[in-house]
Structures are given as C-alpha cells and as structure tokens.
Amino acid sequence: MFSYCADPDTLGTFRWFSCYLTNGVHMSFYMSFLKVLALLAVTAPVALGFGFAGAMAARARFAPISWLGKGYIAIVRGVPDIAFFLFFVIALDQAFEWTRHKVLCPEWTDPIRQGNDFLVCSAAKLPLGTSPEWVHETYGFSLAVITFAIVFGAFAANVLFGAMRAVPHAQLETAEAYGMSHRQTFWRILVPQMWVFALPGLSNLWMVLIKATPLLFLLGVEDIVYWARELGGTKTSKFTSYPHGDWRMWYFLFLLVFYLAFTRVSEIFLERIMTKLTYGQATSGGEAQRKGAPA
C-alpha cells in the first residue's frame, strides 16, 4: 500500500482505488488465483494417475481387480460432485485423526464417537492447534487435491478405458504374433496409441476441472470465489476503512473474464497437442494432415 493511504477519506477517486486495490486483503485475493492454478497443476497429473490405474484395473484379466476398477469408476461417477466433496473431505480428515489417535494416545479410554461428536486427543488433531497458519492452509489444500483427484480420476479412468478399447485389436494380435508379451504389447502398442482416442475426452475433463475449482470454498479453502464475495459485499469486516456499495457483480464479472481467458488458452494448447498426436495416425485428424501436407 502507498504512503498516502493512511487516511482514505482524504483521497481522490484514483488514489482511493489505488489504495483499495493494493491493500492486504486484495493481495490475498490475488494470491488466491495462484492457489487455483496450483490446484490445477497438481490435481491434473494426480487425477490422470488415478485414472490410468483405474483403467488398468478395469481391463485386468483377474476378475476381482477388474471389479474393483469398474466399481471405482461407477461409484464415483454416480455420486454428485458436491455431495462427494462434502462427504469425502470430512471422512478423510476423520480417518487421518482416528489413525493418529490410535497410535499417539493408546491410553485414551473414552469412545471417539459420542453422538454427533468426533473426539480425539489433542495430539491427534490435524493440524495441531499450535501449528502456524500456513500449515492449516497446506493441509486444507492437500485434502482438496486428494478429493479432486479421486473424483476426476474416475472420469479419467472411464475415458482411458474407452480409449484402450478403441485401439484396433488386430494391432495387439499382430504384436503378440511377433512374440511380444502381454506386458510389452500393453506398453509399446496399446498405451502410445490410446492417447489419440483419449485426448478429446481428457480435454473436456480438463475444462470441467477448471470450472469445478470454485468448489474449493466447500473444502474450507479461501479461493477466488470466497474473496470475490467478501470483497464485493457491502457489509463485511474486510473493509472497515474502505466502505463501498455492492460490487459483487464486478468481482464476479472479473472471474468470468478470467475463466473464459484461461479456458481459451487451454483450448489452443490442447489443440496443438492433438495435432501432434494425430500426425501420421489412421484417424480423421491424421488423414486431414496427410492430405494437407505438401507433395
């Protein structure tokens, strides 16, 4: 904040806004954008890992593993995202605390569940009450990453499972006829080719993941939607020195522009990846590239 911001009542319009937009609360708002981008950067590969593992399990020859993979896909895809977020975060947090309680407080004799209360010893709390603020934020962010990864991993598993089945079976049979083992056929023939079929579905899933980031506030994370609502409202403790009208429309309009710009950049990037993957492939995209190439 600038030196002339000591008394906002004496400032003109331009200086008032310069102080208003650079105070500590707005800096938290700006940092929340980095928090959303960090969530996407971490969740996307983790969710893809969950999806790949789920797809491999679903197509496994051992029936119990196949049932486990298909069950994971069906159950998570069948539950509304918001209900899963509200349930799973609480369940995961309590599972961590219950495990720590059993290890750190073996002398505890009272029941952990007492009606609607979940009571563990103070040493088992996550995070500890004496922990600094960044530990609390990191813990909440970690729970958000795990929850997002499990939910979107199920959708990714469904996409990858379908992509694996779309690879022509004749190519797999040819590879085995040349003496490749089942493992070699999977990693050298099936996996490299499945991405061509999987990328359209994964691209849509990436867009859905971007649009799902406002659900962070349900997980206790102060994201961009939380700050837009707080900063834009008229009655808020965030602006005792900078009273203003109801500006929530302008804050949410800014979020609209941000999400539209981010999705457009994602579309361009994904289109370039698709062009590279389909080059020389027996697909409509690869055929179009072959016909358009100079003779």
C-alpha atoms as a PDB file:
ATOM      1  CA  MET A   1       0.000   0.000   0.000  1.00  0.00           C
ATOM      2  CA  PHE A   2       1.185   3.506  -0.803  1.00  0.00           C
ATOM      3  CA  SER A   3       2.255   6.056   1.811  1.00  0.00           C
ATOM      4  CA  TYR A   4      -0.662   8.378   1.055  1.00  0.00           C
ATOM      5  CA  CYS A   5      -3.181   5.678   2.003  1.00  0.00           C
ATOM      6  CA  ALA A   6      -3.089   6.475   5.724  1.00  0.00           C
ATOM      7  CA  ASP A   7      -6.403   8.364   5.599  1.00  0.00           C
ATOM      8  CA  PRO A   8      -8.681   7.071   2.815  1.00  0.00           C
ATOM      9  CA  ASP A   9     -11.285   9.782   3.477  1.00  0.00           C
ATOM     10  CA  THR A  10      -8.921  12.457   2.132  1.00  0.00           C
ATOM     11  CA  LEU A  11      -8.143  10.688  -1.162  1.00  0.00           C
ATOM     12  CA  GLY A  12      -9.429  11.423  -4.624  1.00  0.00           C
ATOM     13  CA  THR A  13     -11.013   8.770  -6.819  1.00  0.00           C
ATOM     14  CA  PHE A  14      -7.822   7.498  -8.490  1.00  0.00           C
ATOM     15  CA  ARG A  15      -5.772   7.425  -5.301  1.00  0.00           C
ATOM     16  CA  TRP A  16      -8.645   5.838  -3.380  1.00  0.00           C
ATOM     17  CA  PHE A  17      -8.806   2.970  -5.867  1.00  0.00           C
ATOM     18  CA  SER A  18      -5.024   2.624  -5.899  1.00  0.00           C
ATOM     19  CA  CYS A  19      -5.117   2.143  -2.128  1.00  0.00           C
ATOM     20  CA  TYR A  20      -8.225  -0.020  -2.275  1.00  0.00           C
ATOM     21  CA  LEU A  21      -6.755  -2.447  -4.823  1.00  0.00           C
ATOM     22  CA  THR A  22      -3.347  -2.758  -3.156  1.00  0.00           C
ATOM     23  CA  ASN A  23      -4.288  -3.342   0.474  1.00  0.00           C
ATOM     24  CA  GLY A  24      -3.507  -6.598   2.238  1.00  0.00           C
ATOM     25  CA  VAL A  25      -6.947  -8.113   1.700  1.00  0.00           C
ATOM     26  CA  HIS A  26      -6.744  -7.633  -2.038  1.00  0.00           C
ATOM     27  CA  MET A  27      -3.304  -9.208  -2.025  1.00  0.00           C
ATOM     28  CA  SER A  28      -4.942 -12.299  -0.541  1.00  0.00           C
ATOM     29  CA  PHE A  29      -7.458 -12.134  -3.393  1.00  0.00           C
ATOM     30  CA  TYR A  30      -4.658 -12.020  -5.964  1.00  0.00           C
ATOM     31  CA  MET A  31      -2.828 -14.877  -4.243  1.00  0.00           C
ATOM     32  CA  SER A  32      -5.983 -16.985  -4.427  1.00  0.00           C
ATOM     33  CA  PHE A  33      -5.602 -17.036  -8.220  1.00  0.00           C
ATOM     34  CA  LEU A  34      -2.197 -18.660  -7.769  1.00  0.00           C
ATOM     35  CA  LYS A  35      -3.838 -21.095  -5.370  1.00  0.00           C
ATOM     36  CA  VAL A  36      -6.348 -22.123  -8.055  1.00  0.00           C
ATOM     37  CA  LEU A  37      -3.611 -22.512 -10.670  1.00  0.00           C
ATOM     38  CA  ALA A  38      -1.539 -24.569  -8.224  1.00  0.00           C
ATOM     39  CA  LEU A  39      -4.549 -26.803  -7.567  1.00  0.00           C
ATOM     40  CA  LEU A  40      -4.948 -27.433 -11.289  1.00  0.00           C
ATOM     41  CA  ALA A  41      -1.229 -28.024 -11.800  1.00  0.00           C
ATOM     42  CA  VAL A  42      -1.094 -30.614  -9.012  1.00  0.00           C
ATOM     43  CA  THR A  43      -4.527 -32.203  -9.412  1.00  0.00           C
ATOM     44  CA  ALA A  44      -4.384 -32.823 -13.170  1.00  0.00           C
ATOM     45  CA  PRO A  45      -1.420 -35.260 -13.147  1.00  0.00           C
ATOM     46  CA  VAL A  46      -2.571 -36.900  -9.908  1.00  0.00           C
ATOM     47  CA  ALA A  47      -6.089 -37.390 -11.305  1.00  0.00           C
ATOM     48  CA  LEU A  48      -4.590 -38.741 -14.527  1.00  0.00           C
ATOM     49  CA  GLY A  49      -2.587 -41.199 -12.438  1.00  0.00           C
ATOM     50  CA  PHE A  50      -5.745 -42.308 -10.612  1.00  0.00           C
ATOM     51  CA  GLY A  51      -7.493 -42.614 -13.961  1.00  0.00           C
ATOM     52  CA  PHE A  52      -4.732 -44.666 -15.559  1.00  0.00           C
ATOM     53  CA  ALA A  53      -4.631 -47.013 -12.565  1.00  0.00           C
ATOM     54  CA  GLY A  54      -8.427 -47.309 -12.614  1.00  0.00           C
ATOM     55  CA  ALA A  55      -8.472 -48.050 -16.355  1.00  0.00           C
ATOM     56  CA  MET A  56      -5.744 -50.674 -15.988  1.00  0.00           C
ATOM     57  CA  ALA A  57      -7.664 -52.277 -13.137  1.00  0.00           C
ATOM     58  CA  ALA A  58     -10.938 -52.223 -15.107  1.00  0.00           C
ATOM     59  CA  ARG A  59      -9.379 -54.135 -18.035  1.00  0.00           C
ATOM     60  CA  ALA A  60      -7.425 -56.551 -15.831  1.00  0.00           C
ATOM     61  CA  ARG A  61      -7.791 -60.257 -16.550  1.00  0.00           C
ATOM     62  CA  PHE A  62      -8.082 -61.038 -12.828  1.00  0.00           C
ATOM     63  CA  ALA A  63     -11.801 -60.624 -12.082  1.00  0.00           C
ATOM     64  CA  PRO A  64     -11.610 -59.117  -8.534  1.00  0.00           C
ATOM     65  CA  ILE A  65      -9.230 -56.398  -9.740  1.00  0.00           C
ATOM     66  CA  SER A  66     -11.469 -55.705 -12.724  1.00  0.00           C
ATOM     67  CA  TRP A  67     -14.486 -55.421 -10.424  1.00  0.00           C
ATOM     68  CA  LEU A  68     -12.560 -53.025  -8.202  1.00  0.00           C
ATOM     69  CA  GLY A  69     -11.632 -50.777 -11.131  1.00  0.00           C
ATOM     70  CA  LYS A  70     -15.125 -50.786 -12.631  1.00  0.00           C
ATOM     71  CA  GLY A  71     -16.654 -50.242  -9.202  1.00  0.00           C
ATOM     72  CA  TYR A  72     -14.457 -47.205  -8.579  1.00  0.00           C
ATOM     73  CA  ILE A  73     -15.498 -45.716 -11.917  1.00  0.00           C
ATOM     74  CA  ALA A  74     -19.194 -46.424 -11.413  1.00  0.00           C
ATOM     75  CA  ILE A  75     -19.476 -45.311  -7.790  1.00  0.00           C
ATOM     76  CA  VAL A  76     -17.601 -42.011  -8.063  1.00  0.00           C
ATOM     77  CA  ARG A  77     -19.225 -41.083 -11.385  1.00  0.00           C
ATOM     78  CA  GLY A  78     -22.640 -41.872  -9.952  1.00  0.00           C
ATOM     79  CA  VAL A  79     -22.366 -39.533  -6.954  1.00  0.00           C
ATOM     80  CA  PRO A  80     -22.860 -35.762  -7.453  1.00  0.00           C
ATOM     81  CA  ASP A  81     -19.533 -33.954  -7.136  1.00  0.00           C
ATOM     82  CA  ILE A  82     -20.723 -31.549  -4.462  1.00  0.00           C
ATOM     83  CA  ALA A  83     -22.054 -34.401  -2.289  1.00  0.00           C
ATOM     84  CA  PHE A  84     -18.806 -36.325  -2.690  1.00  0.00           C
ATOM     85  CA  PHE A  85     -16.742 -33.262  -1.755  1.00  0.00           C
ATOM     86  CA  LEU A  86     -18.799 -32.584   1.361  1.00  0.00           C
ATOM     87  CA  PHE A  87     -18.641 -36.214   2.492  1.00  0.00           C
ATOM     88  CA  PHE A  88     -15.168 -37.316   1.487  1.00  0.00           C
ATOM     89  CA  VAL A  89     -13.237 -34.412   2.988  1.00  0.00           C
ATOM     90  CA  ILE A  90     -14.848 -34.995   6.389  1.00  0.00           C
ATOM     91  CA  ALA A  91     -14.341 -38.757   6.123  1.00  0.00           C
ATOM     92  CA  LEU A  92     -10.709 -38.398   5.047  1.00  0.00           C
ATOM     93  CA  ASP A  93      -9.931 -35.887   7.783  1.00  0.00           C
ATOM     94  CA  GLN A  94     -11.504 -38.099  10.450  1.00  0.00           C
ATOM     95  CA  ALA A  95      -9.689 -41.181   9.112  1.00  0.00           C
ATOM     96  CA  PHE A  96      -6.352 -39.404   9.491  1.00  0.00           C
ATOM     97  CA  GLU A  97      -7.174 -38.221  13.008  1.00  0.00           C
ATOM     98  CA  TRP A  98      -8.518 -41.646  14.050  1.00  0.00           C
ATOM     99  CA  THR A  99      -5.283 -43.313  12.892  1.00  0.00           C
ATOM    100  CA  ARG A 100      -3.128 -40.775  14.714  1.00  0.00           C
ATOM    101  CA  HIS A 101      -5.302 -41.105  17.813  1.00  0.00           C
ATOM    102  CA  LYS A 102      -4.807 -44.878  17.943  1.00  0.00           C
ATOM    103  CA  VAL A 103      -1.040 -44.505  17.595  1.00  0.00           C
ATOM    104  CA  LEU A 104      -0.380 -41.445  19.775  1.00  0.00           C
ATOM    105  CA  CYS A 105      -2.995 -41.891  22.502  1.00  0.00           C
ATOM    106  CA  PRO A 106      -3.311 -45.601  23.356  1.00  0.00           C
ATOM    107  CA  GLU A 107      -4.247 -44.741  26.947  1.00  0.00           C
ATOM    108  CA  TRP A 108      -7.445 -42.991  25.810  1.00  0.00           C
ATOM    109  CA  THR A 109     -10.452 -44.958  27.123  1.00  0.00           C
ATOM    110  CA  ASP A 110     -13.405 -42.775  26.102  1.00  0.00           C
ATOM    111  CA  PRO A 111     -15.223 -43.574  22.848  1.00  0.00           C
ATOM    112  CA  ILE A 112     -14.142 -41.456  19.897  1.00  0.00           C
ATOM    113  CA  ARG A 113     -17.672 -41.106  18.589  1.00  0.00           C
ATOM    114  CA  GLN A 114     -20.005 -39.622  21.157  1.00  0.00           C
ATOM    115  CA  GLY A 115     -23.294 -38.965  19.426  1.00  0.00           C
ATOM    116  CA  ASN A 116     -22.622 -36.475  16.638  1.00  0.00           C
ATOM    117  CA  ASP A 117     -19.234 -35.517  18.081  1.00  0.00           C
ATOM    118  CA  PHE A 118     -15.908 -36.919  16.878  1.00  0.00           C
ATOM    119  CA  LEU A 119     -13.459 -36.553  19.783  1.00  0.00           C
ATOM    120  CA  VAL A 120      -9.766 -37.418  19.620  1.00  0.00           C
ATOM    121  CA  CYS A 121      -6.867 -36.393  21.836  1.00  0.00           C
ATOM    122  CA  SER A 122      -5.255 -33.032  21.160  1.00  0.00           C
ATOM    123  CA  ALA A 123      -2.052 -34.665  19.875  1.00  0.00           C
ATOM    124  CA  ALA A 124      -4.026 -36.428  17.134  1.00  0.00           C
ATOM    125  CA  LYS A 125      -5.632 -33.284  15.749  1.00  0.00           C
ATOM    126  CA  LEU A 126      -4.765 -32.377  12.165  1.00  0.00           C
ATOM    127  CA  PRO A 127      -3.343 -29.880  12.003  1.00  0.00           C
ATOM    128  CA  LEU A 128      -2.354 -29.151  15.580  1.00  0.00           C
ATOM    129  CA  GLY A 129      -3.868 -26.105  17.228  1.00  0.00           C
ATOM    130  CA  THR A 130      -0.387 -24.676  17.755  1.00  0.00           C
ATOM    131  CA  SER A 131       0.565 -25.015  14.091  1.00  0.00           C
ATOM    132  CA  PRO A 132       1.140 -21.822  12.077  1.00  0.00           C
ATOM    133  CA  GLU A 133      -1.436 -20.618   9.584  1.00  0.00           C
ATOM    134  CA  TRP A 134       0.419 -21.918   6.545  1.00  0.00           C
ATOM    135  CA  VAL A 135       0.217 -25.467   7.942  1.00  0.00           C
ATOM    136  CA  HIS A 136      -3.574 -25.195   8.194  1.00  0.00           C
ATOM    137  CA  GLU A 137      -3.780 -23.846   4.650  1.00  0.00           C
ATOM    138  CA  THR A 138      -1.464 -26.536   3.289  1.00  0.00           C
ATOM    139  CA  TYR A 139      -3.469 -29.270   5.000  1.00  0.00           C
ATOM    140  CA  GLY A 140      -6.741 -27.959   3.576  1.00  0.00           C
ATOM    141  CA  PHE A 141      -5.156 -27.635   0.140  1.00  0.00           C
ATOM    142  CA  SER A 142      -3.861 -31.220   0.330  1.00  0.00           C
ATOM    143  CA  LEU A 143      -7.325 -32.536   1.180  1.00  0.00           C
ATOM    144  CA  ALA A 144      -8.687 -30.589  -1.775  1.00  0.00           C
ATOM    145  CA  VAL A 145      -6.104 -32.098  -4.141  1.00  0.00           C
ATOM    146  CA  ILE A 146      -6.853 -35.654  -2.975  1.00  0.00           C
ATOM    147  CA  THR A 147     -10.611 -35.127  -3.260  1.00  0.00           C
ATOM    148  CA  PHE A 148     -10.434 -33.550  -6.707  1.00  0.00           C
ATOM    149  CA  ALA A 149      -8.014 -36.248  -7.886  1.00  0.00           C
ATOM    150  CA  ILE A 150     -10.272 -39.110  -6.762  1.00  0.00           C
ATOM    151  CA  VAL A 151     -13.395 -37.572  -8.314  1.00  0.00           C
ATOM    152  CA  PHE A 152     -11.883 -36.589 -11.638  1.00  0.00           C
ATOM    153  CA  GLY A 153      -9.674 -39.670 -11.654  1.00  0.00           C
ATOM    154  CA  ALA A 154     -12.833 -41.774 -12.001  1.00  0.00           C
ATOM    155  CA  PHE A 155     -13.906 -39.779 -15.056  1.00  0.00           C
ATOM    156  CA  ALA A 156     -10.397 -40.015 -16.477  1.00  0.00           C
ATOM    157  CA  ALA A 157     -10.433 -43.777 -15.880  1.00  0.00           C
ATOM    158  CA  ASN A 158     -13.638 -44.081 -17.875  1.00  0.00           C
ATOM    159  CA  VAL A 159     -12.140 -42.066 -20.754  1.00  0.00           C
ATOM    160  CA  LEU A 160      -8.889 -44.052 -20.767  1.00  0.00           C
ATOM    161  CA  PHE A 161     -10.727 -47.367 -20.508  1.00  0.00           C
ATOM    162  CA  GLY A 162     -12.755 -46.465 -23.580  1.00  0.00           C
ATOM    163  CA  ALA A 163      -9.624 -45.283 -25.396  1.00  0.00           C
ATOM    164  CA  MET A 164      -7.865 -48.568 -24.677  1.00  0.00           C
ATOM    165  CA  ARG A 165     -10.788 -50.462 -26.163  1.00  0.00           C
ATOM    166  CA  ALA A 166     -10.779 -48.190 -29.237  1.00  0.00           C
ATOM    167  CA  VAL A 167      -7.274 -49.250 -30.287  1.00  0.00           C
ATOM    168  CA  PRO A 168      -7.723 -51.801 -33.105  1.00  0.00           C
ATOM    169  CA  HIS A 169      -7.484 -55.276 -31.631  1.00  0.00           C
ATOM    170  CA  ALA A 170      -5.742 -56.525 -34.762  1.00  0.00           C
ATOM    171  CA  GLN A 171      -2.669 -54.473 -33.838  1.00  0.00           C
ATOM    172  CA  LEU A 172      -2.486 -56.130 -30.446  1.00  0.00           C
ATOM    173  CA  GLU A 173      -2.816 -59.553 -32.023  1.00  0.00           C
ATOM    174  CA  THR A 174      -0.080 -58.699 -34.511  1.00  0.00           C
ATOM    175  CA  ALA A 175       2.244 -57.613 -31.715  1.00  0.00           C
ATOM    176  CA  GLU A 176       1.662 -60.872 -29.863  1.00  0.00           C
ATOM    177  CA  ALA A 177       2.189 -62.797 -33.109  1.00  0.00           C
ATOM    178  CA  TYR A 178       5.615 -61.178 -33.377  1.00  0.00           C
ATOM    179  CA  GLY A 179       6.478 -62.591 -29.956  1.00  0.00           C
ATOM    180  CA  MET A 180       5.687 -59.631 -27.676  1.00  0.00           C
ATOM    181  CA  SER A 181       4.475 -60.489 -24.206  1.00  0.00           C
ATOM    182  CA  HIS A 182       1.184 -59.147 -22.861  1.00  0.00           C
ATOM    183  CA  ARG A 183       3.102 -56.522 -20.866  1.00  0.00           C
ATOM    184  CA  GLN A 184       5.160 -55.424 -23.897  1.00  0.00           C
ATOM    185  CA  THR A 185       2.049 -55.213 -26.061  1.00  0.00           C
ATOM    186  CA  PHE A 186       0.354 -53.042 -23.458  1.00  0.00           C
ATOM    187  CA  TRP A 187       3.196 -50.543 -23.002  1.00  0.00           C
ATOM    188  CA  ARG A 188       4.568 -50.441 -26.558  1.00  0.00           C
ATOM    189  CA  ILE A 189       1.424 -50.751 -28.677  1.00  0.00           C
ATOM    190  CA  LEU A 190      -1.704 -50.022 -26.665  1.00  0.00           C
ATOM    191  CA  VAL A 191      -0.617 -47.126 -24.439  1.00  0.00           C
ATOM    192  CA  PRO A 192       1.098 -44.998 -27.137  1.00  0.00           C
ATOM    193  CA  GLN A 193      -1.912 -45.253 -29.439  1.00  0.00           C
ATOM    194  CA  MET A 194      -4.696 -44.839 -26.912  1.00  0.00           C
ATOM    195  CA  TRP A 195      -3.857 -41.164 -26.271  1.00  0.00           C
ATOM    196  CA  VAL A 196      -5.191 -40.222 -29.707  1.00  0.00           C
ATOM    197  CA  PHE A 197      -8.595 -41.581 -28.733  1.00  0.00           C
ATOM    198  CA  ALA A 198      -8.407 -40.359 -25.137  1.00  0.00           C
ATOM    199  CA  LEU A 199      -7.381 -36.747 -25.673  1.00  0.00           C
ATOM    200  CA  PRO A 200     -10.820 -35.383 -26.740  1.00  0.00           C
ATOM    201  CA  GLY A 201     -12.389 -36.803 -23.592  1.00  0.00           C
ATOM    202  CA  LEU A 202      -9.489 -35.699 -21.400  1.00  0.00           C
ATOM    203  CA  SER A 203      -9.720 -32.216 -22.927  1.00  0.00           C
ATOM    204  CA  ASN A 204     -13.370 -31.965 -21.906  1.00  0.00           C
ATOM    205  CA  LEU A 205     -12.467 -33.279 -18.473  1.00  0.00           C
ATOM    206  CA  TRP A 206      -9.792 -30.583 -18.107  1.00  0.00           C
ATOM    207  CA  MET A 207     -12.397 -27.924 -18.907  1.00  0.00           C
ATOM    208  CA  VAL A 208     -14.769 -29.390 -16.335  1.00  0.00           C
ATOM    209  CA  LEU A 209     -11.945 -29.425 -13.781  1.00  0.00           C
ATOM    210  CA  ILE A 210     -11.301 -25.731 -14.413  1.00  0.00           C
ATOM    211  CA  LYS A 211     -14.976 -24.935 -13.892  1.00  0.00           C
ATOM    212  CA  ALA A 212     -15.060 -27.056 -10.721  1.00  0.00           C
ATOM    213  CA  THR A 213     -12.361 -25.044  -8.927  1.00  0.00           C
ATOM    214  CA  PRO A 214     -14.974 -22.703  -7.326  1.00  0.00           C
ATOM    215  CA  LEU A 215     -15.988 -25.739  -5.239  1.00  0.00           C
ATOM    216  CA  LEU A 216     -12.820 -25.138  -3.239  1.00  0.00           C
ATOM    217  CA  PHE A 217     -14.769 -22.946  -0.825  1.00  0.00           C
ATOM    218  CA  LEU A 218     -16.770 -26.044   0.189  1.00  0.00           C
ATOM    219  CA  LEU A 219     -13.497 -27.579   1.365  1.00  0.00           C
ATOM    220  CA  GLY A 220     -12.616 -24.628   3.582  1.00  0.00           C
ATOM    221  CA  VAL A 221     -10.091 -23.138   1.142  1.00  0.00           C
ATOM    222  CA  GLU A 222     -10.244 -19.365   0.673  1.00  0.00           C
ATOM    223  CA  ASP A 223     -10.377 -19.367  -3.119  1.00  0.00           C
ATOM    224  CA  ILE A 224     -11.171 -16.644  -5.649  1.00  0.00           C
ATOM    225  CA  VAL A 225     -14.940 -17.073  -5.259  1.00  0.00           C
ATOM    226  CA  TYR A 226     -14.688 -16.654  -1.493  1.00  0.00           C
ATOM    227  CA  TRP A 227     -12.663 -13.452  -1.814  1.00  0.00           C
ATOM    228  CA  ALA A 228     -14.855 -12.059  -4.608  1.00  0.00           C
ATOM    229  CA  ARG A 229     -17.896 -12.488  -2.388  1.00  0.00           C
ATOM    230  CA  GLU A 230     -16.135 -10.996   0.628  1.00  0.00           C
ATOM    231  CA  LEU A 231     -14.600  -8.037  -1.177  1.00  0.00           C
ATOM    232  CA  GLY A 232     -17.673  -7.199  -3.219  1.00  0.00           C
ATOM    233  CA  GLY A 233     -20.185  -7.245  -0.387  1.00  0.00           C
ATOM    234  CA  THR A 234     -21.280  -4.075   1.366  1.00  0.00           C
ATOM    235  CA  LYS A 235     -21.398  -5.464   4.906  1.00  0.00           C
ATOM    236  CA  THR A 236     -18.084  -7.108   5.559  1.00  0.00           C
ATOM    237  CA  SER A 237     -15.351  -6.845   8.149  1.00  0.00           C
ATOM    238  CA  LYS A 238     -12.793  -6.788   5.359  1.00  0.00           C
ATOM    239  CA  PHE A 239     -13.430  -3.145   4.568  1.00  0.00           C
ATOM    240  CA  THR A 240     -13.830  -1.083   7.677  1.00  0.00           C
ATOM    241  CA  SER A 241     -11.647   1.641   6.121  1.00  0.00           C
ATOM    242  CA  TYR A 242     -12.944   1.316   2.559  1.00  0.00           C
ATOM    243  CA  PRO A 243     -16.759   1.262   2.640  1.00  0.00           C
ATOM    244  CA  HIS A 244     -18.443   0.823  -0.732  1.00  0.00           C
ATOM    245  CA  GLY A 245     -21.648  -0.344  -2.339  1.00  0.00           C
ATOM    246  CA  ASP A 246     -22.485  -3.830  -3.515  1.00  0.00           C
ATOM    247  CA  TRP A 247     -19.707  -4.517  -6.027  1.00  0.00           C
ATOM    248  CA  ARG A 248     -20.076  -8.288  -6.180  1.00  0.00           C
ATOM    249  CA  MET A 249     -21.256  -8.111  -9.804  1.00  0.00           C
ATOM    250  CA  TRP A 250     -17.959  -6.508 -10.860  1.00  0.00           C
ATOM    251  CA  TYR A 251     -15.850  -9.015  -8.949  1.00  0.00           C
ATOM    252  CA  PHE A 252     -17.725 -11.964 -10.424  1.00  0.00           C
ATOM    253  CA  LEU A 253     -17.516 -10.370 -13.866  1.00  0.00           C
ATOM    254  CA  PHE A 254     -13.739 -10.311 -13.406  1.00  0.00           C
ATOM    255  CA  LEU A 255     -13.845 -14.019 -12.517  1.00  0.00           C
ATOM    256  CA  LEU A 256     -15.912 -14.655 -15.650  1.00  0.00           C
ATOM    257  CA  VAL A 257     -13.267 -12.997 -17.812  1.00  0.00           C
ATOM    258  CA  PHE A 258     -10.514 -14.926 -16.024  1.00  0.00           C
ATOM    259  CA  TYR A 259     -12.165 -18.313 -16.581  1.00  0.00           C
ATOM    260  CA  LEU A 260     -13.021 -17.554 -20.207  1.00  0.00           C
ATOM    261  CA  ALA A 261      -9.442 -16.475 -20.933  1.00  0.00           C
ATOM    262  CA  PHE A 262      -7.987 -19.485 -19.157  1.00  0.00           C
ATOM    263  CA  THR A 263     -10.225 -21.950 -20.995  1.00  0.00           C
ATOM    264  CA  ARG A 264      -9.361 -20.314 -24.337  1.00  0.00           C
ATOM    265  CA  VAL A 265      -5.645 -20.701 -23.655  1.00  0.00           C
ATOM    266  CA  SER A 266      -6.287 -24.314 -22.684  1.00  0.00           C
ATOM    267  CA  GLU A 267      -8.168 -24.943 -25.935  1.00  0.00           C
ATOM    268  CA  ILE A 268      -5.261 -23.649 -28.007  1.00  0.00           C
ATOM    269  CA  PHE A 269      -2.745 -25.720 -26.075  1.00  0.00           C
ATOM    270  CA  LEU A 270      -4.839 -28.905 -26.269  1.00  0.00           C
ATOM    271  CA  GLU A 271      -5.446 -28.408 -29.983  1.00  0.00           C
ATOM    272  CA  ARG A 272      -1.702 -28.308 -30.594  1.00  0.00           C
ATOM    273  CA  ILE A 273      -1.212 -31.490 -28.584  1.00  0.00           C
ATOM    274  CA  MET A 274      -3.967 -33.186 -30.594  1.00  0.00           C
ATOM    275  CA  THR A 275      -2.335 -32.107 -33.857  1.00  0.00           C
ATOM    276  CA  LYS A 276       0.959 -33.623 -32.770  1.00  0.00           C
ATOM    277  CA  LEU A 277      -0.585 -36.876 -31.540  1.00  0.00           C
ATOM    278  CA  THR A 278      -2.682 -37.473 -34.667  1.00  0.00           C
ATOM    279  CA  TYR A 279       0.199 -36.865 -37.063  1.00  0.00           C
ATOM    280  CA  GLY A 280       0.594 -39.990 -39.186  1.00  0.00           C
ATOM    281  CA  GLN A 281      -2.192 -41.827 -37.335  1.00  0.00           C
ATOM    282  CA  ALA A 282      -5.052 -43.643 -39.065  1.00  0.00           C
ATOM    283  CA  THR A 283      -7.615 -41.176 -37.743  1.00  0.00           C
ATOM    284  CA  SER A 284      -9.639 -38.400 -39.340  1.00  0.00           C
ATOM    285  CA  GLY A 285      -7.194 -35.828 -37.932  1.00  0.00           C
ATOM    286  CA  GLY A 286      -4.164 -37.703 -39.203  1.00  0.00           C
ATOM    287  CA  GLU A 287      -5.750 -38.214 -42.620  1.00  0.00           C
ATOM    288  CA  ALA A 288      -6.506 -34.485 -42.882  1.00  0.00           C
ATOM    289  CA  GLN A 289      -2.887 -33.682 -42.074  1.00  0.00           C
ATOM    290  CA  ARG A 290      -1.669 -36.174 -44.683  1.00  0.00           C
ATOM    291  CA  LYS A 291      -3.843 -34.651 -47.406  1.00  0.00           C
ATOM    292  CA  GLY A 292      -2.837 -31.127 -46.454  1.00  0.00           C
ATOM    293  CA  ALA A 293       0.895 -31.867 -46.426  1.00  0.00           C
ATOM    294  CA  PRO A 294       2.918 -30.617 -49.431  1.00  0.00           C
ATOM    295  CA  ALA A 295       3.769 -33.260 -52.005  1.00  0.00           C
END
